[in-house]
Every structure is written in structure tokens, then in C-alpha cells.
Amino acid sequence: MSKPAKPIPVPNEDSKVFWEGCKAGKLVIQRCRSCATVRFYPRIVCGACGSMDGDWIEASGSGTVFSYTVVHRAPSPAFKEDVPYVLAIVELDEGVRMMTNVVGCDPASVSVGMPVSVVFDRVSEDISLPKFAPAQQPS
């Protein structure tokens, strides 16, 4: 009996640069050339000014946990071996928020405001998912 497959993102014209960045180990987000507003999720139109003149910038990869929940019941058989896991909204230092997972720590240790840094989980030859781990504290 084989393990059920997890869904994998399918890049489109709006998101392909994002996914190429993740594959290369870089977290990239969009910035409007007209008003300098940064945005995530990838899309063609700036939500602040309506401009279609956007650019891609490399994000710092640092942020804080804005909100989270610990998932104890798998939403499908494909995630059964992962529970418990943390589903979170991380606010990047650049100001945008991403839905993601917090990994590399006990789920009970996650808290709102916790500093985190991006890590990449290669799930296929073409797709690496951005996830976040507790930030290393300077010694």
C-alpha cells in the first residue's frame, strides 16, 4: 500500500518567479514600481494603487509568527504522519504575511511574536516550499 501524495503547488504566470526563487533557496516577493508597496501572494495588479508595473525583490527571509494553530487531526490521509504540525501566518520583516508551516521545533513552543527564518522543503524536482523555523538568537 503506497503513501497518499500531498498536493503540490502548480506555478502559473503570476507565481512562476516566486516558485523559481524558492527552488533556488531564495524567498522573493513582489514590489510595485509605482508606489513601492510590497505584496504577497503573487499577482499582476498592485492592491494599493492598481498599477500593473511590478518587480520582484529578494525578501530577508526573517519574520515573526503573527498567528498559528497546531493541527492534531490530519485534513487528509496524506498528512497523517505529519501531525501534530504548526500552520501559521508569518509576517515578514518586509510587512507581508504568508501562510506557512513552522518547523524545527516542538509545536508547543511556538508563540505569537516568535522570530522565525525561512527554510525550504524540497517536495519535488521543481518545487521547494518556504517554511519557517525558529530564528537563531545571536550569542
C-alpha atoms as a PDB file:
ATOM      1  CA  MET A   1       0.000   0.000   0.000  1.00  0.00           C
ATOM      2  CA  SER A   2       1.563   3.306  -1.055  1.00  0.00           C
ATOM      3  CA  LYS A   3       1.512   6.510   0.952  1.00  0.00           C
ATOM      4  CA  PRO A   4      -1.017   9.087  -0.343  1.00  0.00           C
ATOM      5  CA  ALA A   5       0.598  12.024  -2.140  1.00  0.00           C
ATOM      6  CA  LYS A   6       0.366  15.544  -0.752  1.00  0.00           C
ATOM      7  CA  PRO A   7      -0.833  18.245  -3.128  1.00  0.00           C
ATOM      8  CA  ILE A   8       1.979  20.186  -4.814  1.00  0.00           C
ATOM      9  CA  PRO A   9       1.633  23.800  -5.979  1.00  0.00           C
ATOM     10  CA  VAL A  10       1.262  24.328  -9.716  1.00  0.00           C
ATOM     11  CA  PRO A  11       3.040  27.544 -10.769  1.00  0.00           C
ATOM     12  CA  ASN A  12       1.207  29.874 -13.144  1.00  0.00           C
ATOM     13  CA  GLU A  13       2.300  33.024 -14.974  1.00  0.00           C
ATOM     14  CA  ASP A  14       1.789  35.163 -11.857  1.00  0.00           C
ATOM     15  CA  SER A  15       3.615  32.829  -9.456  1.00  0.00           C
ATOM     16  CA  LYS A  16       6.360  31.164 -11.504  1.00  0.00           C
ATOM     17  CA  VAL A  17       9.071  33.666 -10.447  1.00  0.00           C
ATOM     18  CA  PHE A  18       8.143  33.025  -6.793  1.00  0.00           C
ATOM     19  CA  TRP A  19       8.475  29.248  -7.217  1.00  0.00           C
ATOM     20  CA  GLU A  20      11.732  29.593  -9.190  1.00  0.00           C
ATOM     21  CA  GLY A  21      13.121  31.657  -6.314  1.00  0.00           C
ATOM     22  CA  CYS A  22      12.069  29.040  -3.759  1.00  0.00           C
ATOM     23  CA  LYS A  23      13.706  26.312  -5.851  1.00  0.00           C
ATOM     24  CA  ALA A  24      16.937  28.367  -5.746  1.00  0.00           C
ATOM     25  CA  GLY A  25      16.645  28.852  -1.972  1.00  0.00           C
ATOM     26  CA  LYS A  26      15.525  32.479  -2.195  1.00  0.00           C
ATOM     27  CA  LEU A  27      12.298  33.984  -0.901  1.00  0.00           C
ATOM     28  CA  VAL A  28      11.115  36.557  -3.429  1.00  0.00           C
ATOM     29  CA  ILE A  29       8.119  38.864  -3.189  1.00  0.00           C
ATOM     30  CA  GLN A  30       6.663  41.497  -5.460  1.00  0.00           C
ATOM     31  CA  ARG A  31       7.038  45.255  -5.130  1.00  0.00           C
ATOM     32  CA  CYS A  32       5.059  47.854  -7.042  1.00  0.00           C
ATOM     33  CA  ARG A  33       7.269  50.132  -9.123  1.00  0.00           C
ATOM     34  CA  SER A  34       4.668  52.909  -8.917  1.00  0.00           C
ATOM     35  CA  CYS A  35       4.041  53.107  -5.156  1.00  0.00           C
ATOM     36  CA  ALA A  36       6.692  50.746  -3.675  1.00  0.00           C
ATOM     37  CA  THR A  37       4.079  48.613  -1.871  1.00  0.00           C
ATOM     38  CA  VAL A  38       5.263  45.042  -1.342  1.00  0.00           C
ATOM     39  CA  ARG A  39       2.786  42.238  -1.874  1.00  0.00           C
ATOM     40  CA  PHE A  40       2.308  38.575  -1.321  1.00  0.00           C
ATOM     41  CA  TYR A  41       0.629  36.393  -2.801  1.00  0.00           C
ATOM     42  CA  PRO A  42       1.963  36.928  -6.353  1.00  0.00           C
ATOM     43  CA  ARG A  43      -0.450  38.807  -8.618  1.00  0.00           C
ATOM     44  CA  ILE A  44      -0.318  41.147 -11.549  1.00  0.00           C
ATOM     45  CA  VAL A  45      -2.091  44.188 -10.059  1.00  0.00           C
ATOM     46  CA  CYS A  46      -0.990  46.241  -7.048  1.00  0.00           C
ATOM     47  CA  GLY A  47      -3.753  46.246  -4.463  1.00  0.00           C
ATOM     48  CA  ALA A  48      -2.669  49.656  -3.168  1.00  0.00           C
ATOM     49  CA  CYS A  49      -2.602  51.718  -6.380  1.00  0.00           C
ATOM     50  CA  GLY A  50      -3.855  49.463  -9.181  1.00  0.00           C
ATOM     51  CA  SER A  51      -0.603  49.624 -11.132  1.00  0.00           C
ATOM     52  CA  MET A  52       0.435  46.664 -13.235  1.00  0.00           C
ATOM     53  CA  ASP A  53       4.091  47.736 -13.083  1.00  0.00           C
ATOM     54  CA  GLY A  54       5.581  45.300 -10.573  1.00  0.00           C
ATOM     55  CA  ASP A  55       9.001  43.938  -9.807  1.00  0.00           C
ATOM     56  CA  TRP A  56      10.434  41.049  -7.790  1.00  0.00           C
ATOM     57  CA  ILE A  57      12.725  41.588  -4.792  1.00  0.00           C
ATOM     58  CA  GLU A  58      14.508  39.129  -2.548  1.00  0.00           C
ATOM     59  CA  ALA A  59      12.987  39.191   0.926  1.00  0.00           C
ATOM     60  CA  SER A  60      15.142  38.915   4.018  1.00  0.00           C
ATOM     61  CA  GLY A  61      13.528  35.614   4.946  1.00  0.00           C
ATOM     62  CA  SER A  62      13.043  36.853   8.508  1.00  0.00           C
ATOM     63  CA  GLY A  63       9.770  37.486  10.234  1.00  0.00           C
ATOM     64  CA  THR A  64       7.580  36.759  13.230  1.00  0.00           C
ATOM     65  CA  VAL A  65       4.679  34.435  13.892  1.00  0.00           C
ATOM     66  CA  PHE A  66       1.545  36.574  13.506  1.00  0.00           C
ATOM     67  CA  SER A  67      -0.937  33.765  14.217  1.00  0.00           C
ATOM     68  CA  TYR A  68      -0.858  29.979  14.336  1.00  0.00           C
ATOM     69  CA  THR A  69      -2.642  26.775  15.182  1.00  0.00           C
ATOM     70  CA  VAL A  70      -1.368  23.322  15.960  1.00  0.00           C
ATOM     71  CA  VAL A  71      -3.006  20.734  13.723  1.00  0.00           C
ATOM     72  CA  HIS A  72      -3.686  17.484  15.580  1.00  0.00           C
ATOM     73  CA  ARG A  73      -6.094  15.876  13.118  1.00  0.00           C
ATOM     74  CA  ALA A  74      -4.834  15.404   9.573  1.00  0.00           C
ATOM     75  CA  PRO A  75      -7.047  17.024   6.917  1.00  0.00           C
ATOM     76  CA  SER A  76      -6.388  14.031   4.653  1.00  0.00           C
ATOM     77  CA  PRO A  77      -4.505  10.728   4.836  1.00  0.00           C
ATOM     78  CA  ALA A  78      -1.540  12.367   3.073  1.00  0.00           C
ATOM     79  CA  PHE A  79      -0.827  14.466   6.191  1.00  0.00           C
ATOM     80  CA  LYS A  80      -1.408  11.739   8.790  1.00  0.00           C
ATOM     81  CA  GLU A  81       2.303  11.204   9.517  1.00  0.00           C
ATOM     82  CA  ASP A  82       2.889  14.945   9.990  1.00  0.00           C
ATOM     83  CA  VAL A  83       0.568  15.587  12.943  1.00  0.00           C
ATOM     84  CA  PRO A  84       0.973  17.445  15.130  1.00  0.00           C
ATOM     85  CA  TYR A  85       2.237  20.309  12.961  1.00  0.00           C
ATOM     86  CA  VAL A  86       2.076  24.086  13.065  1.00  0.00           C
ATOM     87  CA  LEU A  87       0.089  26.004  10.460  1.00  0.00           C
ATOM     88  CA  ALA A  88       0.987  29.674  10.803  1.00  0.00           C
ATOM     89  CA  ILE A  89       0.729  33.115   9.333  1.00  0.00           C
ATOM     90  CA  VAL A  90       4.196  34.650   9.361  1.00  0.00           C
ATOM     91  CA  GLU A  91       4.650  38.383   8.957  1.00  0.00           C
ATOM     92  CA  LEU A  92       7.856  39.010   7.038  1.00  0.00           C
ATOM     93  CA  ASP A  93      10.107  41.908   8.035  1.00  0.00           C
ATOM     94  CA  GLU A  94       9.027  43.497   4.729  1.00  0.00           C
ATOM     95  CA  GLY A  95       5.430  43.669   6.019  1.00  0.00           C
ATOM     96  CA  VAL A  96       3.608  40.998   4.028  1.00  0.00           C
ATOM     97  CA  ARG A  97       2.075  37.903   5.588  1.00  0.00           C
ATOM     98  CA  MET A  98       2.394  34.317   4.363  1.00  0.00           C
ATOM     99  CA  MET A  99       0.537  31.177   5.332  1.00  0.00           C
ATOM    100  CA  THR A 100       3.143  28.501   6.022  1.00  0.00           C
ATOM    101  CA  ASN A 101       4.379  25.927   8.490  1.00  0.00           C
ATOM    102  CA  VAL A 102       6.668  26.446  11.459  1.00  0.00           C
ATOM    103  CA  VAL A 103       9.129  23.552  11.595  1.00  0.00           C
ATOM    104  CA  GLY A 104      12.231  22.562  13.517  1.00  0.00           C
ATOM    105  CA  CYS A 105      10.743  22.900  16.984  1.00  0.00           C
ATOM    106  CA  ASP A 106       8.189  21.399  19.330  1.00  0.00           C
ATOM    107  CA  PRO A 107       4.761  22.677  18.213  1.00  0.00           C
ATOM    108  CA  ALA A 108       4.027  23.572  21.857  1.00  0.00           C
ATOM    109  CA  SER A 109       6.954  26.034  21.849  1.00  0.00           C
ATOM    110  CA  VAL A 110       5.527  28.229  19.055  1.00  0.00           C
ATOM    111  CA  SER A 111       4.096  31.570  20.134  1.00  0.00           C
ATOM    112  CA  VAL A 112       2.740  34.749  18.580  1.00  0.00           C
ATOM    113  CA  GLY A 113       5.623  37.168  18.034  1.00  0.00           C
ATOM    114  CA  MET A 114       8.214  34.382  17.840  1.00  0.00           C
ATOM    115  CA  PRO A 115      11.090  35.318  15.497  1.00  0.00           C
ATOM    116  CA  VAL A 116      11.450  32.904  12.571  1.00  0.00           C
ATOM    117  CA  SER A 117      13.596  32.460   9.465  1.00  0.00           C
ATOM    118  CA  VAL A 118      12.757  30.843   6.147  1.00  0.00           C
ATOM    119  CA  VAL A 119      13.856  27.299   5.318  1.00  0.00           C
ATOM    120  CA  PHE A 120      12.976  25.417   2.161  1.00  0.00           C
ATOM    121  CA  ASP A 121      11.421  21.968   1.919  1.00  0.00           C
ATOM    122  CA  ARG A 122      12.099  20.370  -1.477  1.00  0.00           C
ATOM    123  CA  VAL A 123       8.934  18.377  -2.252  1.00  0.00           C
ATOM    124  CA  SER A 124       9.625  17.674  -5.929  1.00  0.00           C
ATOM    125  CA  GLU A 125      12.270  18.307  -8.541  1.00  0.00           C
ATOM    126  CA  ASP A 126      10.704  21.689  -9.327  1.00  0.00           C
ATOM    127  CA  ILE A 127       9.000  22.774  -6.090  1.00  0.00           C
ATOM    128  CA  SER A 128      10.507  23.823  -2.759  1.00  0.00           C
ATOM    129  CA  LEU A 129       8.052  25.046  -0.149  1.00  0.00           C
ATOM    130  CA  PRO A 130       9.000  28.010   2.034  1.00  0.00           C
ATOM    131  CA  LYS A 131       8.585  27.093   5.681  1.00  0.00           C
ATOM    132  CA  PHE A 132       9.870  28.839   8.781  1.00  0.00           C
ATOM    133  CA  ALA A 133      11.989  27.693  11.719  1.00  0.00           C
ATOM    134  CA  PRO A 134      12.804  29.470  14.966  1.00  0.00           C
ATOM    135  CA  ALA A 135      15.361  32.206  14.283  1.00  0.00           C
ATOM    136  CA  GLN A 136      18.829  31.641  15.664  1.00  0.00           C
ATOM    137  CA  GLN A 137      19.426  34.024  18.553  1.00  0.00           C
ATOM    138  CA  PRO A 138      22.767  35.880  18.451  1.00  0.00           C
ATOM    139  CA  SER A 139      25.143  34.656  21.155  1.00  0.00           C
END
